[in-house]
C-alpha cells in the first residue's frame, strides 16, 4: 500500500511539473489563410466550480511532495458557511471562463495564421478548432485562494479528421486582491482568504476569475505562436 501511494504521488508530481503537453504538425499542412470553425466545449466536470480546501497552507518554499499531500488530504468546504459557498459557485460562470480562454487563442490563430472564421459547419471549413474546459477548482487554504484550471485545445483537418495541433494547459493561479478593498503589503502576495473572497460583490468575483482565465488563454496563445514559429522554420528547412 505504501509503495502504491508513493507511485501515485510521483505520477501527480510529474503531471504538475509537465502540465503543458502539445502536438505540433502545423508544418505539414497549409493552415495559413484557410477557413476555420471554432467550437467551445465545457466538460461535465467543469459545468460548475469545485471548491476544495487543502489541510494546511501551502507556501512557495514547500517541496512538491508536500504540496501534493496537502491536495490529496483536502477536507472539503466546511470552512465557510453554505450560503457563502453557494454565492461563490453561482458567481463563477465556467462558460464565461472558457470563452475568455478561447478568445485569447482565437486572437493568436487569427494573428499568426490569418484564418477566416466560419460560423456554420455546413460552410465546410478547412479546419476545426475546439477549445475544451476540462476542470475548474477553487483551492483554498487559510491565507490564500487559487484558481485551478485545466483546458485543452486542438485543430483538426475537416476532410481527413487529422489532429494537426493540440495543447493542454493546467494552471493554478493565485487570485490577487485588485479590488481596492485592501492595502497591498509589498513583502507579501496580495491574496484572499476564503472569507474575504466570499464577501466580495458577485461581479467582482466574476471579474477576478475571468482575469485568471485570461492568463490560461494567454498561455494557450503563446504556445500556438511558438509552434507557428517552429513550423515555419521546419518548412524553410525543407526547401
Protein backbone atom coordinates (compact mmCIF):
# COMPACT_ATOMS: atom_id res chain seq x y z
CA UNK A 1 0.00 0.00 0.00
CA UNK A 2 2.85 2.35 0.88
CA UNK A 3 4.50 1.68 -2.48
CA UNK A 4 1.22 2.39 -4.26
CA UNK A 5 0.87 5.73 -2.50
CA UNK A 6 4.45 6.64 -3.42
CA UNK A 7 3.79 5.77 -7.07
CA UNK A 8 0.62 7.88 -7.09
CA UNK A 9 2.49 10.84 -5.59
CA UNK A 10 5.26 10.55 -8.21
CA UNK A 11 2.67 10.46 -11.01
CA UNK A 12 0.86 13.51 -9.65
CA UNK A 13 4.12 15.44 -9.21
CA UNK A 14 5.10 14.55 -12.77
CA UNK A 15 1.79 15.88 -14.07
CA UNK A 16 2.34 19.09 -12.09
CA UNK A 17 5.85 19.59 -13.39
CA UNK A 18 4.92 18.78 -17.00
CA UNK A 19 1.46 20.33 -17.12
CA UNK A 20 1.74 21.60 -20.66
CA UNK A 21 1.66 18.97 -23.44
CA UNK A 22 1.02 19.60 -27.11
CA UNK A 23 1.25 18.26 -30.65
CA UNK A 24 2.52 20.42 -33.48
CA UNK A 25 2.11 19.23 -37.07
CA UNK A 26 1.39 22.68 -38.50
CA UNK A 27 4.37 22.41 -40.85
CA UNK A 28 2.69 19.52 -42.69
CA UNK A 29 -0.45 21.49 -43.55
CA UNK A 30 -1.38 24.72 -45.32
CA UNK A 31 -3.27 26.37 -42.49
CA UNK A 32 -2.18 29.88 -43.43
CA UNK A 33 -5.11 31.77 -44.97
CA UNK A 34 -7.51 28.85 -44.53
CA UNK A 35 -11.05 28.79 -43.11
CA UNK A 36 -11.75 27.55 -39.58
CA UNK A 37 -14.78 26.75 -37.45
CA UNK A 38 -14.33 27.47 -33.71
CA UNK A 39 -16.10 25.47 -31.03
CA UNK A 40 -16.19 25.83 -27.23
CA UNK A 41 -16.97 22.80 -25.05
CA UNK A 42 -17.49 22.63 -21.27
CA UNK A 43 -16.91 19.09 -19.98
CA UNK A 44 -19.33 17.76 -17.32
CA UNK A 45 -16.63 18.05 -14.64
CA UNK A 46 -16.35 21.78 -15.40
CA UNK A 47 -20.06 22.67 -15.50
CA UNK A 48 -19.59 24.30 -12.10
CA UNK A 49 -16.57 25.16 -9.99
CA UNK A 50 -15.42 22.63 -7.40
CA UNK A 51 -14.40 24.23 -4.11
CA UNK A 52 -11.65 22.45 -2.16
CA UNK A 53 -9.63 23.31 0.89
CA UNK A 54 -6.11 22.00 1.48
CA UNK A 55 -5.48 20.76 5.02
CA UNK A 56 -2.63 23.22 5.59
CA UNK A 57 -1.36 26.37 3.93
CA UNK A 58 0.97 25.73 1.01
CA UNK A 59 3.91 28.10 0.74
CA UNK A 60 6.22 28.64 -2.20
CA UNK A 61 9.11 27.20 -0.20
CA UNK A 62 7.36 23.85 0.25
CA UNK A 63 8.53 20.81 -1.66
CA UNK A 64 6.32 19.43 -4.42
CA UNK A 65 5.68 16.32 -2.33
CA UNK A 66 4.24 18.43 0.50
CA UNK A 67 2.01 20.35 -1.88
CA UNK A 68 0.67 17.10 -3.37
CA UNK A 69 -0.05 15.67 0.07
CA UNK A 70 -1.93 18.83 1.00
CA UNK A 71 -4.08 18.47 -2.10
CA UNK A 72 -4.66 14.78 -1.52
CA UNK A 73 -5.81 15.45 2.05
CA UNK A 74 -8.31 18.19 1.19
CA UNK A 75 -11.05 18.38 3.79
CA UNK A 76 -13.98 19.77 1.88
CA UNK A 77 -15.66 23.14 2.22
CA UNK A 78 -16.77 23.31 5.83
CA UNK A 79 -14.57 26.36 6.45
CA UNK A 80 -17.17 28.76 5.02
CA UNK A 81 -20.90 28.87 5.51
CA UNK A 82 -23.10 27.12 2.96
CA UNK A 83 -24.61 30.40 1.74
CA UNK A 84 -21.15 31.85 1.04
CA UNK A 85 -20.12 28.71 -0.80
CA UNK A 86 -23.29 28.90 -2.91
CA UNK A 87 -22.53 32.55 -3.64
CA UNK A 88 -19.07 31.65 -4.96
CA UNK A 89 -20.41 28.80 -7.07
CA UNK A 90 -23.13 30.99 -8.58
CA UNK A 91 -20.76 33.90 -9.27
CA UNK A 92 -18.30 31.74 -11.20
CA UNK A 93 -19.64 31.02 -14.67
CA UNK A 94 -17.39 28.39 -16.23
CA UNK A 95 -18.82 29.08 -19.69
CA UNK A 96 -17.59 32.67 -19.43
CA UNK A 97 -14.21 31.38 -18.28
CA UNK A 98 -13.99 29.09 -21.30
CA UNK A 99 -14.94 31.95 -23.62
CA UNK A 100 -12.11 34.05 -22.17
CA UNK A 101 -9.62 31.24 -22.85
CA UNK A 102 -10.98 30.57 -26.35
CA UNK A 103 -10.93 34.26 -27.25
CA UNK A 104 -7.22 34.57 -26.43
CA UNK A 105 -6.39 31.52 -28.51
CA UNK A 106 -8.52 32.60 -31.47
CA UNK A 107 -6.80 36.01 -31.45
CA UNK A 108 -3.45 34.25 -31.71
CA UNK A 109 -4.69 31.96 -34.50
CA UNK A 110 -6.04 34.92 -36.44
CA UNK A 111 -2.85 36.91 -35.90
CA UNK A 112 -0.32 34.25 -36.90
CA UNK A 113 -2.26 32.01 -39.28
CA UNK A 114 -4.55 34.61 -40.86
CA UNK A 115 -7.55 32.27 -40.85
CA UNK A 116 -11.12 33.24 -41.70
CA UNK A 117 -13.67 32.19 -39.09
CA UNK A 118 -16.64 30.19 -40.41
CA UNK A 119 -19.82 30.15 -38.33
CA UNK A 120 -21.50 27.04 -39.73
CA UNK A 121 -20.10 23.55 -40.22
CA UNK A 122 -22.25 23.36 -43.36
CA UNK A 123 -19.94 26.01 -44.86
CA UNK A 124 -17.30 23.27 -44.98
CA UNK A 125 -14.36 24.97 -43.29
CA UNK A 126 -10.85 23.69 -43.91
CA UNK A 127 -10.21 23.15 -40.20
CA UNK A 128 -11.96 22.86 -36.85
CA UNK A 129 -10.61 24.46 -33.68
CA UNK A 130 -12.04 23.07 -30.45
CA UNK A 131 -11.35 24.62 -27.03
CA UNK A 132 -12.40 22.49 -24.07
CA UNK A 133 -12.70 23.35 -20.38
CA UNK A 134 -11.87 20.11 -18.57
CA UNK A 135 -11.96 21.10 -14.89
CA UNK A 136 -12.17 24.17 -12.63
CA UNK A 137 -11.44 24.30 -8.91
CA UNK A 138 -11.12 26.94 -6.22
CA UNK A 139 -8.27 25.76 -3.99
CA UNK A 140 -8.46 27.44 -0.59
CA UNK A 141 -6.09 27.46 2.35
CA UNK A 142 -6.29 29.63 5.46
CA UNK A 143 -4.49 32.55 3.84
CA UNK A 144 -4.94 32.21 0.09
CA UNK A 145 -7.27 31.28 -2.73
CA UNK A 146 -6.13 29.96 -6.10
CA UNK A 147 -7.97 29.02 -9.26
CA UNK A 148 -7.06 25.65 -10.78
CA UNK A 149 -7.92 25.43 -14.48
CA UNK A 150 -7.42 22.52 -16.88
CA UNK A 151 -8.16 23.34 -20.51
CA UNK A 152 -7.30 21.70 -23.83
CA UNK A 153 -7.42 22.88 -27.43
CA UNK A 154 -7.00 21.22 -30.78
CA UNK A 155 -7.03 21.96 -34.52
CA UNK A 156 -8.20 19.20 -36.85
CA UNK A 157 -8.47 18.99 -40.62
CA UNK A 158 -12.09 18.59 -41.68
CA UNK A 159 -11.59 16.41 -44.75
CA UNK A 160 -9.32 13.84 -43.08
CA UNK A 161 -10.02 14.19 -39.35
CA UNK A 162 -6.28 14.55 -38.68
CA UNK A 163 -5.31 16.37 -35.49
CA UNK A 164 -2.60 18.78 -36.56
CA UNK A 165 -2.26 20.80 -33.37
CA UNK A 166 -3.12 20.08 -29.75
CA UNK A 167 -2.32 21.79 -26.48
CA UNK A 168 -3.19 21.12 -22.86
CA UNK A 169 -2.75 23.68 -20.11
CA UNK A 170 -3.12 23.03 -16.38
CA UNK A 171 -2.55 26.13 -14.30
CA UNK A 172 -3.05 27.10 -10.65
CA UNK A 173 -3.34 30.87 -10.43
CA UNK A 174 -3.45 32.81 -7.14
CA UNK A 175 -6.38 35.23 -7.04
CA UNK A 176 -4.97 38.64 -6.19
CA UNK A 177 -6.93 41.37 -4.46
CA UNK A 178 -7.07 44.13 -7.08
CA UNK A 179 -10.48 45.39 -5.97
CA UNK A 180 -9.10 48.23 -3.89
CA UNK A 181 -10.60 46.76 -0.71
CA UNK A 182 -7.24 46.15 0.96
CA UNK A 183 -3.85 47.79 1.20
CA UNK A 184 -1.10 45.90 -0.55
CA UNK A 185 1.74 44.56 1.57
CA UNK A 186 4.88 44.95 -0.53
CA UNK A 187 6.54 41.97 1.15
CA UNK A 188 3.62 39.55 0.58
CA UNK A 189 1.40 38.49 -2.28
CA UNK A 190 -1.90 40.30 -2.00
CA UNK A 191 -4.16 37.26 -1.94
CA UNK A 192 -7.56 36.49 -0.50
CA UNK A 193 -8.69 34.31 2.29
CA UNK A 194 -11.84 32.29 1.63
CA UNK A 195 -13.89 34.63 3.81
CA UNK A 196 -12.62 37.76 2.03
CA UNK A 197 -13.37 36.31 -1.39
CA UNK A 198 -16.88 35.24 -0.40
CA UNK A 199 -17.55 38.76 0.94
CA UNK A 200 -16.97 40.38 -2.46
CA UNK A 201 -19.70 41.51 -4.80
CA UNK A 202 -20.58 38.75 -7.34
CA UNK A 203 -19.42 40.98 -10.20
CA UNK A 204 -16.03 41.41 -8.51
CA UNK A 205 -15.71 37.65 -8.05
CA UNK A 206 -16.64 37.15 -11.69
CA UNK A 207 -14.01 39.68 -12.81
CA UNK A 208 -11.24 38.10 -10.71
CA UNK A 209 -11.97 34.63 -12.05
CA UNK A 210 -12.20 35.76 -15.67
CA UNK A 211 -8.87 37.60 -15.30
CA UNK A 212 -7.34 34.32 -14.13
CA UNK A 213 -8.92 32.51 -17.10
CA UNK A 214 -7.37 35.13 -19.37
CA UNK A 215 -3.97 34.03 -18.05
CA UNK A 216 -4.68 30.45 -19.12
CA UNK A 217 -5.76 31.68 -22.55
CA UNK A 218 -2.55 33.69 -22.79
CA UNK A 219 -0.51 30.52 -22.19
CA UNK A 220 -2.51 28.80 -24.94
CA UNK A 221 -1.95 31.69 -27.32
CA UNK A 222 1.78 31.83 -26.62
CA UNK A 223 2.17 28.10 -27.22
CA UNK A 224 0.39 28.49 -30.57
CA UNK A 225 2.68 31.37 -31.53
CA UNK A 226 5.80 29.37 -30.65
CA UNK A 227 4.50 26.39 -32.63
CA UNK A 228 3.88 28.60 -35.68
CA UNK A 229 7.48 29.81 -35.44
CA UNK A 230 8.75 26.22 -35.25
CA UNK A 231 6.52 25.15 -38.15
CA UNK A 232 7.80 27.98 -40.36
CA UNK A 233 11.41 27.05 -39.54
CA UNK A 234 10.69 23.45 -40.41
CA UNK A 235 9.12 24.44 -43.75
CA UNK A 236 12.11 26.61 -44.62
CA UNK A 237 14.44 23.75 -43.76
CA UNK A 238 12.69 21.52 -46.26
CA UNK A 239 13.22 23.95 -49.12
